[in-house]
Amino acid sequence: MTAEEDSPKDEKTIQTLEEICENTRAIRRVVNRIFDHLHESQEKDDGYSADTMSWKDPYNNDDMYY
């Protein structure tokens, strides 16, 4: 085995790390969306209700809903 080849264990480790990074980015998007929503609800004084947000309709086809 040369230094350029990855062992199966290394490949699994790399795949796991890539999945963790992908999930972390998805979590960050969700948290940012929640913060934006809360910020928007605090700015509006015209009877804005947080319950009016539709979670059934994906926003910008984001993968946070899948």
C-alpha atoms as a PDB file:
ATOM      1  CA  MET A   1       0.000   0.000   0.000  1.00  0.00           C
ATOM      2  CA  THR A   2       1.386   3.370  -0.974  1.00  0.00           C
ATOM      3  CA  ALA A   3       0.996   6.625   0.886  1.00  0.00           C
ATOM      4  CA  GLU A   4      -1.371   7.854  -1.842  1.00  0.00           C
ATOM      5  CA  GLU A   5      -3.929   5.104  -1.240  1.00  0.00           C
ATOM      6  CA  ASP A   6      -6.484   5.418   1.534  1.00  0.00           C
ATOM      7  CA  SER A   7      -7.255   2.391   3.614  1.00  0.00           C
ATOM      8  CA  PRO A   8     -10.919   1.391   3.977  1.00  0.00           C
ATOM      9  CA  LYS A   9     -10.829   2.696   7.544  1.00  0.00           C
ATOM     10  CA  ASP A  10      -9.502   6.068   6.351  1.00  0.00           C
ATOM     11  CA  GLU A  11     -12.157   6.224   3.632  1.00  0.00           C
ATOM     12  CA  LYS A  12     -14.893   5.565   6.198  1.00  0.00           C
ATOM     13  CA  THR A  13     -13.434   8.254   8.480  1.00  0.00           C
ATOM     14  CA  ILE A  14     -13.355  10.782   5.646  1.00  0.00           C
ATOM     15  CA  GLN A  15     -16.936   9.923   4.646  1.00  0.00           C
ATOM     16  CA  THR A  16     -18.107  10.315   8.249  1.00  0.00           C
ATOM     17  CA  LEU A  17     -16.374  13.692   8.580  1.00  0.00           C
ATOM     18  CA  GLU A  18     -17.952  14.895   5.322  1.00  0.00           C
ATOM     19  CA  GLU A  19     -21.400  13.858   6.590  1.00  0.00           C
ATOM     20  CA  ILE A  20     -20.790  15.691   9.881  1.00  0.00           C
ATOM     21  CA  CYS A  21     -19.783  18.842   7.985  1.00  0.00           C
ATOM     22  CA  GLU A  22     -22.850  18.607   5.755  1.00  0.00           C
ATOM     23  CA  ASN A  23     -25.157  18.139   8.744  1.00  0.00           C
ATOM     24  CA  THR A  24     -23.476  21.012  10.584  1.00  0.00           C
ATOM     25  CA  ARG A  25     -24.111  23.331   7.627  1.00  0.00           C
ATOM     26  CA  ALA A  26     -27.768  22.249   7.537  1.00  0.00           C
ATOM     27  CA  ILE A  27     -28.134  22.889  11.273  1.00  0.00           C
ATOM     28  CA  ARG A  28     -26.527  26.316  10.879  1.00  0.00           C
ATOM     29  CA  ARG A  29     -29.027  27.192   8.115  1.00  0.00           C
ATOM     30  CA  VAL A  30     -31.939  26.134  10.304  1.00  0.00           C
ATOM     31  CA  VAL A  31     -30.672  28.120  13.296  1.00  0.00           C
ATOM     32  CA  ASN A  32     -30.103  31.195  11.135  1.00  0.00           C
ATOM     33  CA  ARG A  33     -33.606  30.865   9.697  1.00  0.00           C
ATOM     34  CA  ILE A  34     -35.033  30.655  13.231  1.00  0.00           C
ATOM     35  CA  PHE A  35     -33.032  33.719  14.318  1.00  0.00           C
ATOM     36  CA  ASP A  36     -34.252  35.642  11.251  1.00  0.00           C
ATOM     37  CA  HIS A  37     -37.821  34.639  12.001  1.00  0.00           C
ATOM     38  CA  LEU A  38     -37.523  35.704  15.645  1.00  0.00           C
ATOM     39  CA  HIS A  39     -35.878  38.978  14.679  1.00  0.00           C
ATOM     40  CA  GLU A  40     -38.653  39.664  12.187  1.00  0.00           C
ATOM     41  CA  SER A  41     -41.325  38.896  14.764  1.00  0.00           C
ATOM     42  CA  GLN A  42     -39.732  41.294  17.272  1.00  0.00           C
ATOM     43  CA  GLU A  43     -39.531  44.129  14.728  1.00  0.00           C
ATOM     44  CA  LYS A  44     -43.167  43.953  13.675  1.00  0.00           C
ATOM     45  CA  ASP A  45     -45.678  45.639  15.908  1.00  0.00           C
ATOM     46  CA  ASP A  46     -48.632  45.116  13.582  1.00  0.00           C
ATOM     47  CA  GLY A  47     -49.923  41.919  15.174  1.00  0.00           C
ATOM     48  CA  TYR A  48     -47.425  39.579  13.562  1.00  0.00           C
ATOM     49  CA  SER A  49     -47.903  36.019  14.741  1.00  0.00           C
ATOM     50  CA  ALA A  50     -45.147  33.429  14.587  1.00  0.00           C
ATOM     51  CA  ASP A  51     -47.828  30.804  14.028  1.00  0.00           C
ATOM     52  CA  THR A  52     -48.571  32.201  10.558  1.00  0.00           C
ATOM     53  CA  MET A  53     -45.377  30.710   9.164  1.00  0.00           C
ATOM     54  CA  SER A  54     -46.051  27.695   6.976  1.00  0.00           C
ATOM     55  CA  TRP A  55     -43.629  24.857   7.636  1.00  0.00           C
ATOM     56  CA  LYS A  56     -45.318  22.687   5.013  1.00  0.00           C
ATOM     57  CA  ASP A  57     -44.154  24.848   2.114  1.00  0.00           C
ATOM     58  CA  PRO A  58     -40.354  24.602   1.767  1.00  0.00           C
ATOM     59  CA  TYR A  59     -38.723  27.990   1.520  1.00  0.00           C
ATOM     60  CA  ASN A  60     -36.207  28.318  -1.313  1.00  0.00           C
ATOM     61  CA  ASN A  61     -36.212  24.524  -1.695  1.00  0.00           C
ATOM     62  CA  ASP A  62     -33.833  24.290   1.243  1.00  0.00           C
ATOM     63  CA  ASP A  63     -32.883  20.783   2.365  1.00  0.00           C
ATOM     64  CA  MET A  64     -33.610  21.555   6.001  1.00  0.00           C
ATOM     65  CA  TYR A  65     -37.109  20.190   5.385  1.00  0.00           C
ATOM     66  CA  TYR A  66     -35.961  16.826   4.060  1.00  0.00           C
END
